[in-house]
Amino acid sequence: MNTTKPAISSQSEASITGVILAGGLGRRMGGVDKGMQLLDGKPLVQHVAERLGPQVAHLLINANRSQEQYATQGYPLIADVIAGFAGPLAGLHAALTAADTALVATAPCDTPYLPLDLIERLHAGLLSKGANLAIASAGGRIHPVFCLCRRTLRDELERYLQSGGRKVALWCAEMGAVEVDFSDQSDAFSNFNTLADLQNN
């Protein structure tokens, strides 16, 4: 049996920076820092890091508060460059600004079951279409905060944010994002929006 990893996987690992998006205000969790809430005794951000980290060459955490807590995870922290808690796109923008790789991938801090082949498949989709941006979809629904983005889009994203744009799906559509189907593992995109979600898990 051939146990060699696919070429696309090794290529993606060598050239991609991953960022966990933990820069929000956690409004639906009553204002607590979502990424630091516990699931099975571990912070949500740690669950995400354990699944996303092995898929990328470098892993960052985008956090705008609780810096000391997030620092305990052992990954470099980056804060939004765009002020005012401008949402997930501000986290992507911060990563595109900080990264020195050609590609940057994002995943939110409240999705502890994200696909273990997320980056490999997004990268394959990106290359197959010659696109600048690839996003996940499953069951007919897009999940644009799971994306793989060329760093060359940084200035376009900054213009969008500076003009007041905040909608992730709209920006992705404007950039001609290719959708990569993960319908074989739709549950992998399950997230925790409230404290009750965690307590009932």
N, C-alpha and C. Protein backbone atom coordinates (compact mmCIF):
# COMPACT_ATOMS: atom_id res chain seq x y z
N MET A 1 0.85 -1.20 0.00
CA MET A 1 0.00 0.00 0.00
C MET A 1 0.88 1.25 0.00
N ASN A 2 0.55 2.20 -0.81
CA ASN A 2 1.31 3.44 -0.89
C ASN A 2 0.89 4.38 0.22
N THR A 3 1.81 4.69 1.13
CA THR A 3 1.49 5.57 2.25
C THR A 3 2.04 6.97 2.06
N THR A 4 2.56 7.26 0.87
CA THR A 4 3.09 8.59 0.60
C THR A 4 1.96 9.62 0.61
N LYS A 5 2.21 10.76 1.25
CA LYS A 5 1.18 11.81 1.28
C LYS A 5 1.03 12.42 -0.11
N PRO A 6 -0.18 12.78 -0.50
CA PRO A 6 -0.39 13.40 -1.81
C PRO A 6 0.45 14.65 -1.96
N ALA A 7 0.90 14.89 -3.19
CA ALA A 7 1.76 16.05 -3.43
C ALA A 7 1.09 17.35 -3.04
N ILE A 8 -0.21 17.43 -3.29
CA ILE A 8 -0.90 18.68 -2.98
C ILE A 8 -0.85 18.99 -1.49
N SER A 9 -0.89 17.93 -0.68
CA SER A 9 -0.86 18.14 0.76
C SER A 9 0.48 18.70 1.19
N SER A 10 1.57 18.13 0.70
CA SER A 10 2.88 18.62 1.09
C SER A 10 3.12 20.02 0.57
N GLN A 11 2.62 20.32 -0.62
CA GLN A 11 2.76 21.67 -1.14
C GLN A 11 2.04 22.67 -0.26
N SER A 12 0.82 22.32 0.15
CA SER A 12 0.04 23.26 0.94
C SER A 12 0.68 23.49 2.30
N GLU A 13 1.22 22.45 2.91
CA GLU A 13 1.84 22.59 4.21
C GLU A 13 3.06 23.49 4.14
N ALA A 14 3.74 23.48 3.00
CA ALA A 14 4.97 24.24 2.88
C ALA A 14 4.72 25.72 2.62
N SER A 15 3.51 26.08 2.25
CA SER A 15 3.31 27.44 1.76
C SER A 15 2.12 28.16 2.37
N ILE A 16 1.53 27.61 3.42
CA ILE A 16 0.29 28.20 3.95
C ILE A 16 0.43 28.57 5.42
N THR A 17 -0.04 29.77 5.75
CA THR A 17 -0.18 30.21 7.13
C THR A 17 -1.64 30.06 7.52
N GLY A 18 -1.90 29.41 8.63
CA GLY A 18 -3.26 29.29 9.14
C GLY A 18 -3.50 30.29 10.26
N VAL A 19 -4.71 30.77 10.35
CA VAL A 19 -5.06 31.69 11.44
C VAL A 19 -6.40 31.28 12.04
N ILE A 20 -6.44 31.19 13.35
CA ILE A 20 -7.68 30.92 14.06
C ILE A 20 -8.31 32.26 14.41
N LEU A 21 -9.54 32.46 13.97
CA LEU A 21 -10.23 33.73 14.17
C LEU A 21 -10.90 33.75 15.54
N ALA A 22 -10.30 34.49 16.46
CA ALA A 22 -10.81 34.59 17.83
C ALA A 22 -10.90 36.04 18.27
N GLY A 23 -11.14 36.92 17.31
CA GLY A 23 -11.09 38.34 17.60
C GLY A 23 -12.41 39.01 17.86
N GLY A 24 -13.50 38.22 17.96
CA GLY A 24 -14.82 38.81 18.11
C GLY A 24 -15.17 39.17 19.54
N LEU A 25 -16.38 39.67 19.70
CA LEU A 25 -16.85 40.12 21.01
C LEU A 25 -17.67 39.06 21.74
N GLY A 26 -17.98 37.95 21.09
CA GLY A 26 -18.74 36.89 21.74
C GLY A 26 -20.10 37.35 22.23
N ARG A 27 -20.78 38.18 21.45
CA ARG A 27 -22.06 38.75 21.90
C ARG A 27 -23.08 37.68 22.25
N ARG A 28 -23.16 36.63 21.42
CA ARG A 28 -24.17 35.59 21.67
C ARG A 28 -23.77 34.69 22.84
N MET A 29 -22.55 34.86 23.34
CA MET A 29 -22.14 34.14 24.55
C MET A 29 -22.10 35.08 25.75
N GLY A 30 -22.81 36.17 25.63
CA GLY A 30 -22.89 37.10 26.75
C GLY A 30 -21.65 37.96 26.94
N GLY A 31 -20.84 38.06 25.87
CA GLY A 31 -19.66 38.92 25.94
C GLY A 31 -18.40 38.23 26.42
N VAL A 32 -18.47 36.93 26.74
CA VAL A 32 -17.26 36.22 27.15
C VAL A 32 -16.41 35.95 25.91
N ASP A 33 -15.14 35.65 26.14
CA ASP A 33 -14.26 35.36 25.03
C ASP A 33 -14.51 33.93 24.58
N LYS A 34 -15.11 33.79 23.42
CA LYS A 34 -15.60 32.49 22.96
C LYS A 34 -14.49 31.44 22.88
N GLY A 35 -13.36 31.80 22.34
CA GLY A 35 -12.30 30.83 22.14
C GLY A 35 -11.75 30.22 23.41
N MET A 36 -11.95 30.90 24.54
CA MET A 36 -11.42 30.41 25.81
C MET A 36 -12.43 29.60 26.60
N GLN A 37 -13.64 29.43 26.07
CA GLN A 37 -14.64 28.62 26.76
C GLN A 37 -14.30 27.14 26.62
N LEU A 38 -14.60 26.37 27.65
CA LEU A 38 -14.15 24.98 27.71
C LEU A 38 -15.12 24.00 27.06
N LEU A 39 -14.55 23.06 26.35
CA LEU A 39 -15.26 21.91 25.80
C LEU A 39 -14.43 20.68 26.12
N ASP A 40 -15.01 19.76 26.85
CA ASP A 40 -14.27 18.57 27.28
C ASP A 40 -12.97 18.94 28.00
N GLY A 41 -13.05 20.02 28.80
CA GLY A 41 -11.92 20.41 29.62
C GLY A 41 -10.84 21.21 28.93
N LYS A 42 -11.03 21.53 27.65
CA LYS A 42 -10.04 22.30 26.90
C LYS A 42 -10.71 23.51 26.25
N PRO A 43 -9.99 24.64 26.15
CA PRO A 43 -10.56 25.79 25.45
C PRO A 43 -10.90 25.44 24.00
N LEU A 44 -11.95 26.03 23.50
CA LEU A 44 -12.33 25.80 22.11
C LEU A 44 -11.18 26.08 21.15
N VAL A 45 -10.42 27.13 21.42
CA VAL A 45 -9.31 27.48 20.52
C VAL A 45 -8.27 26.38 20.46
N GLN A 46 -8.10 25.66 21.56
CA GLN A 46 -7.13 24.56 21.57
C GLN A 46 -7.60 23.41 20.69
N HIS A 47 -8.90 23.11 20.75
CA HIS A 47 -9.45 22.08 19.87
C HIS A 47 -9.19 22.41 18.40
N VAL A 48 -9.44 23.68 18.05
CA VAL A 48 -9.25 24.11 16.66
C VAL A 48 -7.78 24.04 16.29
N ALA A 49 -6.91 24.49 17.18
CA ALA A 49 -5.47 24.47 16.90
C ALA A 49 -4.96 23.05 16.67
N GLU A 50 -5.47 22.11 17.45
CA GLU A 50 -5.02 20.72 17.32
C GLU A 50 -5.42 20.11 15.98
N ARG A 51 -6.48 20.60 15.38
CA ARG A 51 -6.92 20.08 14.09
C ARG A 51 -6.35 20.87 12.92
N LEU A 52 -6.26 22.19 13.07
CA LEU A 52 -5.77 23.02 11.97
C LEU A 52 -4.24 23.06 11.91
N GLY A 53 -3.59 23.07 13.07
CA GLY A 53 -2.14 23.22 13.12
C GLY A 53 -1.37 22.25 12.25
N PRO A 54 -1.67 20.94 12.30
CA PRO A 54 -0.92 19.99 11.48
C PRO A 54 -1.11 20.16 9.97
N GLN A 55 -2.10 20.95 9.58
CA GLN A 55 -2.40 21.11 8.16
C GLN A 55 -1.66 22.28 7.52
N VAL A 56 -1.01 23.12 8.32
CA VAL A 56 -0.38 24.33 7.80
C VAL A 56 1.07 24.42 8.26
N ALA A 57 1.82 25.29 7.60
CA ALA A 57 3.22 25.48 7.96
C ALA A 57 3.37 26.34 9.20
N HIS A 58 2.51 27.35 9.35
CA HIS A 58 2.55 28.28 10.48
C HIS A 58 1.13 28.50 10.97
N LEU A 59 0.97 28.63 12.28
CA LEU A 59 -0.36 28.87 12.84
C LEU A 59 -0.34 30.11 13.72
N LEU A 60 -1.30 31.00 13.49
CA LEU A 60 -1.46 32.23 14.26
C LEU A 60 -2.83 32.22 14.92
N ILE A 61 -2.97 33.01 15.96
CA ILE A 61 -4.28 33.25 16.57
C ILE A 61 -4.59 34.74 16.48
N ASN A 62 -5.72 35.05 15.88
CA ASN A 62 -6.18 36.44 15.79
C ASN A 62 -7.06 36.72 17.01
N ALA A 63 -6.55 37.53 17.93
CA ALA A 63 -7.29 37.85 19.16
C ALA A 63 -7.12 39.32 19.49
N ASN A 64 -8.21 39.94 19.89
CA ASN A 64 -8.19 41.37 20.22
C ASN A 64 -8.33 41.64 21.71
N ARG A 65 -8.46 40.59 22.49
CA ARG A 65 -8.51 40.70 23.95
C ARG A 65 -8.08 39.35 24.52
N SER A 66 -8.02 39.28 25.86
CA SER A 66 -7.57 38.04 26.53
C SER A 66 -6.23 37.57 25.99
N GLN A 67 -5.34 38.53 25.70
CA GLN A 67 -4.07 38.19 25.08
C GLN A 67 -3.25 37.22 25.93
N GLU A 68 -3.24 37.42 27.24
CA GLU A 68 -2.45 36.54 28.10
C GLU A 68 -2.97 35.11 28.07
N GLN A 69 -4.30 34.98 28.03
CA GLN A 69 -4.88 33.63 27.98
C GLN A 69 -4.55 32.94 26.66
N TYR A 70 -4.71 33.66 25.57
CA TYR A 70 -4.43 33.05 24.27
C TYR A 70 -2.94 32.73 24.13
N ALA A 71 -2.09 33.52 24.74
CA ALA A 71 -0.65 33.29 24.65
C ALA A 71 -0.26 31.93 25.23
N THR A 72 -1.06 31.42 26.16
CA THR A 72 -0.74 30.12 26.77
C THR A 72 -0.85 28.99 25.75
N GLN A 73 -1.48 29.23 24.62
CA GLN A 73 -1.59 28.19 23.59
C GLN A 73 -0.28 28.00 22.84
N GLY A 74 0.62 28.97 22.94
CA GLY A 74 1.94 28.80 22.35
C GLY A 74 2.08 29.21 20.90
N TYR A 75 1.09 29.91 20.36
CA TYR A 75 1.15 30.36 18.97
C TYR A 75 1.25 31.89 18.93
N PRO A 76 1.86 32.44 17.89
CA PRO A 76 1.92 33.90 17.77
C PRO A 76 0.52 34.51 17.70
N LEU A 77 0.36 35.65 18.36
CA LEU A 77 -0.92 36.35 18.37
C LEU A 77 -0.86 37.55 17.44
N ILE A 78 -1.95 37.79 16.74
CA ILE A 78 -2.07 39.01 15.94
C ILE A 78 -3.42 39.65 16.25
N ALA A 79 -3.43 40.95 16.36
CA ALA A 79 -4.67 41.70 16.58
C ALA A 79 -5.10 42.33 15.26
N ASP A 80 -6.38 42.71 15.19
CA ASP A 80 -6.89 43.38 13.99
C ASP A 80 -6.10 44.66 13.73
N VAL A 81 -5.82 44.91 12.47
CA VAL A 81 -5.25 46.18 12.05
C VAL A 81 -6.37 47.21 11.87
N ILE A 82 -7.50 46.74 11.37
CA ILE A 82 -8.69 47.57 11.21
C ILE A 82 -9.38 47.68 12.57
N ALA A 83 -9.59 48.88 13.05
CA ALA A 83 -10.15 49.09 14.39
C ALA A 83 -11.65 48.83 14.43
N GLY A 84 -12.15 48.61 15.64
CA GLY A 84 -13.59 48.57 15.86
C GLY A 84 -14.23 47.20 15.78
N PHE A 85 -13.48 46.13 15.99
CA PHE A 85 -14.04 44.79 15.94
C PHE A 85 -14.86 44.61 14.66
N ALA A 86 -14.16 44.65 13.53
CA ALA A 86 -14.81 44.66 12.22
C ALA A 86 -15.16 43.27 11.71
N GLY A 87 -15.03 42.24 12.52
CA GLY A 87 -15.50 40.93 12.14
C GLY A 87 -14.43 40.02 11.56
N PRO A 88 -14.85 38.85 11.07
CA PRO A 88 -13.89 37.85 10.58
C PRO A 88 -12.96 38.35 9.48
N LEU A 89 -13.48 39.22 8.61
CA LEU A 89 -12.63 39.72 7.53
C LEU A 89 -11.47 40.55 8.07
N ALA A 90 -11.67 41.21 9.20
CA ALA A 90 -10.58 41.96 9.81
C ALA A 90 -9.49 41.00 10.30
N GLY A 91 -9.91 39.83 10.77
CA GLY A 91 -8.94 38.82 11.17
C GLY A 91 -8.16 38.29 9.99
N LEU A 92 -8.85 38.04 8.88
CA LEU A 92 -8.16 37.63 7.66
C LEU A 92 -7.20 38.71 7.20
N HIS A 93 -7.64 39.96 7.24
CA HIS A 93 -6.78 41.07 6.83
C HIS A 93 -5.53 41.13 7.69
N ALA A 94 -5.68 40.96 9.00
CA ALA A 94 -4.53 40.97 9.90
C ALA A 94 -3.55 39.86 9.55
N ALA A 95 -4.10 38.69 9.21
CA ALA A 95 -3.24 37.56 8.86
C ALA A 95 -2.54 37.78 7.53
N LEU A 96 -3.26 38.34 6.56
CA LEU A 96 -2.63 38.64 5.27
C LEU A 96 -1.52 39.67 5.43
N THR A 97 -1.69 40.54 6.40
CA THR A 97 -0.67 41.56 6.68
C THR A 97 0.55 40.95 7.37
N ALA A 98 0.31 40.00 8.27
CA ALA A 98 1.40 39.44 9.07
C ALA A 98 2.14 38.30 8.38
N ALA A 99 1.46 37.56 7.53
CA ALA A 99 2.04 36.34 6.96
C ALA A 99 3.12 36.64 5.94
N ASP A 100 4.08 35.72 5.83
CA ASP A 100 5.07 35.83 4.77
C ASP A 100 4.94 34.67 3.78
N THR A 101 3.84 33.94 3.87
CA THR A 101 3.54 32.90 2.89
C THR A 101 2.58 33.44 1.85
N ALA A 102 2.54 32.76 0.71
CA ALA A 102 1.69 33.22 -0.39
C ALA A 102 0.21 32.99 -0.12
N LEU A 103 -0.08 32.05 0.77
CA LEU A 103 -1.47 31.68 1.04
C LEU A 103 -1.76 31.73 2.53
N VAL A 104 -2.97 32.13 2.86
CA VAL A 104 -3.42 32.21 4.25
C VAL A 104 -4.78 31.51 4.36
N ALA A 105 -4.92 30.67 5.38
CA ALA A 105 -6.17 29.96 5.62
C ALA A 105 -6.76 30.42 6.94
N THR A 106 -8.09 30.45 7.01
CA THR A 106 -8.77 30.85 8.25
C THR A 106 -9.74 29.79 8.71
N ALA A 107 -9.94 29.75 10.02
CA ALA A 107 -10.99 28.93 10.63
C ALA A 107 -11.41 29.62 11.92
N PRO A 108 -12.69 29.62 12.24
CA PRO A 108 -13.16 30.28 13.46
C PRO A 108 -12.84 29.45 14.70
N CYS A 109 -12.75 30.14 15.83
CA CYS A 109 -12.32 29.50 17.08
C CYS A 109 -13.40 28.63 17.72
N ASP A 110 -14.63 28.65 17.19
CA ASP A 110 -15.72 27.92 17.83
C ASP A 110 -16.14 26.68 17.05
N THR A 111 -15.23 26.15 16.21
CA THR A 111 -15.55 24.98 15.38
C THR A 111 -14.54 23.87 15.67
N PRO A 112 -14.72 23.17 16.78
CA PRO A 112 -13.73 22.20 17.24
C PRO A 112 -13.65 20.92 16.43
N TYR A 113 -14.56 20.74 15.47
CA TYR A 113 -14.58 19.50 14.70
C TYR A 113 -14.22 19.73 13.23
N LEU A 114 -13.54 20.82 12.93
CA LEU A 114 -13.26 21.18 11.54
C LEU A 114 -12.56 20.03 10.80
N PRO A 115 -12.74 19.94 9.47
CA PRO A 115 -12.18 18.82 8.71
C PRO A 115 -10.66 18.71 8.83
N LEU A 116 -10.19 17.50 8.96
CA LEU A 116 -8.75 17.27 9.04
C LEU A 116 -8.09 17.38 7.66
N ASP A 117 -8.90 17.41 6.61
CA ASP A 117 -8.37 17.61 5.26
C ASP A 117 -8.83 18.95 4.68
N LEU A 118 -9.16 19.88 5.56
CA LEU A 118 -9.67 21.19 5.12
C LEU A 118 -8.70 21.87 4.15
N ILE A 119 -7.44 21.99 4.55
CA ILE A 119 -6.48 22.75 3.76
C ILE A 119 -6.16 22.04 2.45
N GLU A 120 -5.98 20.75 2.52
CA GLU A 120 -5.67 19.99 1.30
C GLU A 120 -6.74 20.18 0.24
N ARG A 121 -8.00 20.12 0.67
CA ARG A 121 -9.09 20.21 -0.30
C ARG A 121 -9.32 21.64 -0.77
N LEU A 122 -9.20 22.62 0.12
CA LEU A 122 -9.30 24.01 -0.32
C LEU A 122 -8.19 24.35 -1.30
N HIS A 123 -6.99 23.85 -1.02
CA HIS A 123 -5.85 24.13 -1.89
C HIS A 123 -6.06 23.49 -3.27
N ALA A 124 -6.57 22.26 -3.29
CA ALA A 124 -6.84 21.60 -4.55
C ALA A 124 -7.88 22.38 -5.36
N GLY A 125 -8.92 22.87 -4.68
CA GLY A 125 -9.94 23.66 -5.35
C GLY A 125 -9.40 24.96 -5.91
N LEU A 126 -8.55 25.61 -5.12
CA LEU A 126 -7.94 26.86 -5.55
C LEU A 126 -7.12 26.66 -6.82
N LEU A 127 -6.29 25.61 -6.81
CA LEU A 127 -5.43 25.36 -7.96
C LEU A 127 -6.22 24.91 -9.18
N SER A 128 -7.25 24.11 -8.96
CA SER A 128 -7.99 23.58 -10.10
C SER A 128 -8.69 24.67 -10.90
N LYS A 129 -9.07 25.74 -10.22
CA LYS A 129 -9.78 26.85 -10.88
C LYS A 129 -8.88 28.05 -11.14
N GLY A 130 -7.63 27.98 -10.70
CA GLY A 130 -6.75 29.13 -10.85
C GLY A 130 -7.27 30.35 -10.12
N ALA A 131 -7.93 30.11 -8.97
CA ALA A 131 -8.59 31.18 -8.23
C ALA A 131 -7.66 31.82 -7.21
N ASN A 132 -8.08 32.95 -6.70
CA ASN A 132 -7.36 33.64 -5.64
C ASN A 132 -7.92 33.34 -4.26
N LEU A 133 -9.11 32.72 -4.22
CA LEU A 133 -9.80 32.50 -2.96
C LEU A 133 -10.65 31.24 -3.08
N ALA A 134 -10.57 30.38 -2.08
CA ALA A 134 -11.41 29.18 -2.01
C ALA A 134 -12.12 29.16 -0.66
N ILE A 135 -13.40 28.78 -0.67
CA ILE A 135 -14.17 28.71 0.57
C ILE A 135 -14.87 27.36 0.65
N ALA A 136 -15.19 26.95 1.87
CA ALA A 136 -15.86 25.67 2.08
C ALA A 136 -17.37 25.83 1.89
N SER A 137 -17.99 24.74 1.44
CA SER A 137 -19.45 24.66 1.40
C SER A 137 -19.84 23.24 1.77
N ALA A 138 -21.06 23.07 2.23
CA ALA A 138 -21.55 21.75 2.61
C ALA A 138 -23.07 21.77 2.63
N GLY A 139 -23.67 20.79 2.02
CA GLY A 139 -25.12 20.69 2.03
C GLY A 139 -25.82 21.89 1.44
N GLY A 140 -25.22 22.51 0.44
CA GLY A 140 -25.82 23.66 -0.20
C GLY A 140 -25.62 24.98 0.54
N ARG A 141 -24.85 24.96 1.62
CA ARG A 141 -24.61 26.16 2.41
C ARG A 141 -23.12 26.49 2.39
N ILE A 142 -22.79 27.75 2.17
CA ILE A 142 -21.37 28.12 2.18
C ILE A 142 -20.91 28.43 3.60
N HIS A 143 -19.64 28.19 3.82
CA HIS A 143 -18.99 28.49 5.10
C HIS A 143 -17.75 29.35 4.80
N PRO A 144 -17.97 30.63 4.45
CA PRO A 144 -16.86 31.44 3.94
C PRO A 144 -15.79 31.80 4.95
N VAL A 145 -16.05 31.61 6.26
CA VAL A 145 -14.99 31.88 7.23
C VAL A 145 -13.97 30.75 7.24
N PHE A 146 -14.26 29.66 6.56
CA PHE A 146 -13.26 28.63 6.28
C PHE A 146 -12.76 28.90 4.87
N CYS A 147 -11.65 29.60 4.77
CA CYS A 147 -11.20 30.02 3.44
C CYS A 147 -9.70 29.83 3.29
N LEU A 148 -9.28 29.81 2.04
CA LEU A 148 -7.87 29.83 1.68
C LEU A 148 -7.70 30.98 0.70
N CYS A 149 -6.84 31.91 1.05
CA CYS A 149 -6.78 33.19 0.34
C CYS A 149 -5.35 33.53 -0.07
N ARG A 150 -5.18 33.98 -1.28
CA ARG A 150 -3.86 34.46 -1.72
C ARG A 150 -3.57 35.81 -1.05
N ARG A 151 -2.33 35.98 -0.64
CA ARG A 151 -1.96 37.21 0.06
C ARG A 151 -2.09 38.44 -0.84
N THR A 152 -2.10 38.21 -2.15
CA THR A 152 -2.24 39.32 -3.10
C THR A 152 -3.59 40.03 -2.98
N LEU A 153 -4.55 39.42 -2.29
CA LEU A 153 -5.86 40.06 -2.12
C LEU A 153 -5.91 41.02 -0.94
N ARG A 154 -4.80 41.17 -0.24
CA ARG A 154 -4.80 42.00 0.97
C ARG A 154 -5.31 43.41 0.71
N ASP A 155 -4.79 44.05 -0.33
CA ASP A 155 -5.18 45.45 -0.58
C ASP A 155 -6.65 45.56 -0.95
N GLU A 156 -7.15 44.58 -1.73
CA GLU A 156 -8.57 44.58 -2.08
C GLU A 156 -9.43 44.45 -0.81
N LEU A 157 -8.99 43.59 0.10
CA LEU A 157 -9.73 43.40 1.34
C LEU A 157 -9.68 44.66 2.20
N GLU A 158 -8.53 45.30 2.24
CA GLU A 158 -8.41 46.52 3.04
C GLU A 158 -9.34 47.60 2.51
N ARG A 159 -9.43 47.73 1.20
CA ARG A 159 -10.34 48.72 0.62
C ARG A 159 -11.79 48.41 0.99
N TYR A 160 -12.15 47.14 0.94
CA TYR A 160 -13.51 46.73 1.29
C TYR A 160 -13.82 47.08 2.74
N LEU A 161 -12.90 46.77 3.63
CA LEU A 161 -13.11 47.05 5.05
C LEU A 161 -13.13 48.55 5.33
N GLN A 162 -12.24 49.28 4.71
CA GLN A 162 -12.18 50.73 4.94
C GLN A 162 -13.42 51.44 4.42
N SER A 163 -14.09 50.80 3.43
CA SER A 163 -15.32 51.40 2.89
C SER A 163 -16.55 51.02 3.72
N GLY A 164 -16.33 50.23 4.78
CA GLY A 164 -17.43 49.85 5.65
C GLY A 164 -17.96 48.45 5.41
N GLY A 165 -17.41 47.75 4.42
CA GLY A 165 -17.85 46.39 4.13
C GLY A 165 -17.50 45.44 5.27
N ARG A 166 -18.43 44.56 5.59
CA ARG A 166 -18.22 43.60 6.68
C ARG A 166 -18.69 42.19 6.32
N LYS A 167 -19.49 42.04 5.28
CA LYS A 167 -20.10 40.75 4.96
C LYS A 167 -19.09 39.84 4.25
N VAL A 168 -18.78 38.73 4.93
CA VAL A 168 -17.77 37.81 4.41
C VAL A 168 -18.21 37.22 3.08
N ALA A 169 -19.44 36.74 3.01
CA ALA A 169 -19.90 36.08 1.78
C ALA A 169 -19.90 37.04 0.60
N LEU A 170 -20.26 38.29 0.84
CA LEU A 170 -20.30 39.27 -0.24
C LEU A 170 -18.91 39.53 -0.79
N TRP A 171 -17.93 39.72 0.11
CA TRP A 171 -16.56 39.96 -0.35
C TRP A 171 -16.03 38.76 -1.11
N CYS A 172 -16.31 37.57 -0.60
CA CYS A 172 -15.84 36.35 -1.27
C CYS A 172 -16.43 36.25 -2.67
N ALA A 173 -17.71 36.59 -2.80
CA ALA A 173 -18.34 36.55 -4.12
C ALA A 173 -17.70 37.57 -5.05
N GLU A 174 -17.43 38.76 -4.53
CA GLU A 174 -16.81 39.79 -5.34
C GLU A 174 -15.42 39.38 -5.82
N MET A 175 -14.72 38.56 -5.02
CA MET A 175 -13.38 38.10 -5.37
C MET A 175 -13.40 36.84 -6.22
N GLY A 176 -14.58 36.38 -6.59
CA GLY A 176 -14.68 35.19 -7.43
C GLY A 176 -14.26 33.91 -6.74
N ALA A 177 -14.62 33.77 -5.47
CA ALA A 177 -14.21 32.61 -4.69
C ALA A 177 -14.76 31.32 -5.30
N VAL A 178 -13.93 30.29 -5.31
CA VAL A 178 -14.37 28.96 -5.70
C VAL A 178 -14.87 28.23 -4.46
N GLU A 179 -16.01 27.57 -4.59
CA GLU A 179 -16.58 26.81 -3.48
C GLU A 179 -16.10 25.37 -3.54
N VAL A 180 -15.63 24.87 -2.41
CA VAL A 180 -15.15 23.49 -2.31
C VAL A 180 -16.14 22.71 -1.45
N ASP A 181 -16.68 21.65 -2.01
CA ASP A 181 -17.77 20.92 -1.36
C ASP A 181 -17.26 19.93 -0.30
N PHE A 182 -17.75 20.10 0.91
CA PHE A 182 -17.45 19.20 2.02
C PHE A 182 -18.72 18.52 2.52
N SER A 183 -19.66 18.25 1.64
CA SER A 183 -20.93 17.68 2.06
C SER A 183 -20.76 16.29 2.67
N ASP A 184 -19.61 15.64 2.42
CA ASP A 184 -19.36 14.34 3.01
C ASP A 184 -19.08 14.43 4.50
N GLN A 185 -18.85 15.66 5.00
CA GLN A 185 -18.61 15.84 6.43
C GLN A 185 -19.18 17.17 6.92
N SER A 186 -20.46 17.36 6.64
CA SER A 186 -21.13 18.61 6.99
C SER A 186 -21.05 18.93 8.48
N ASP A 187 -21.09 17.88 9.31
CA ASP A 187 -21.07 18.11 10.76
C ASP A 187 -19.76 18.72 11.24
N ALA A 188 -18.73 18.63 10.41
CA ALA A 188 -17.42 19.18 10.80
C ALA A 188 -17.46 20.70 10.98
N PHE A 189 -18.48 21.34 10.42
CA PHE A 189 -18.57 22.79 10.51
C PHE A 189 -19.50 23.25 11.64
N SER A 190 -19.92 22.31 12.47
CA SER A 190 -20.76 22.67 13.63
C SER A 190 -19.99 23.61 14.55
N ASN A 191 -20.70 24.64 15.02
CA ASN A 191 -20.03 25.61 15.89
C ASN A 191 -20.84 25.82 17.16
N PHE A 192 -20.21 26.51 18.10
CA PHE A 192 -20.82 26.79 19.39
C PHE A 192 -21.01 28.30 19.50
N ASN A 193 -22.27 28.73 19.46
CA ASN A 193 -22.58 30.16 19.49
C ASN A 193 -22.93 30.67 20.89
N THR A 194 -23.42 29.78 21.75
CA THR A 194 -23.87 30.20 23.07
C THR A 194 -23.29 29.29 24.14
N LEU A 195 -23.33 29.76 25.37
CA LEU A 195 -22.88 28.95 26.49
C LEU A 195 -23.76 27.72 26.64
N ALA A 196 -25.05 27.86 26.30
CA ALA A 196 -25.96 26.71 26.38
C ALA A 196 -25.54 25.63 25.40
N ASP A 197 -25.04 26.03 24.21
CA ASP A 197 -24.56 25.04 23.26
C ASP A 197 -23.46 24.18 23.88
N LEU A 198 -22.55 24.83 24.58
CA LEU A 198 -21.45 24.10 25.22
C LEU A 198 -21.94 23.22 26.34
N GLN A 199 -22.85 23.74 27.13
CA GLN A 199 -23.35 23.01 28.29
C GLN A 199 -24.16 21.79 27.87
N ASN A 200 -24.80 21.88 26.70
CA ASN A 200 -25.65 20.79 26.25
C ASN A 200 -24.91 19.78 25.38
N ASN A 201 -23.65 20.05 25.11
CA ASN A 201 -22.88 19.16 24.25
C ASN A 201 -22.55 17.82 24.96
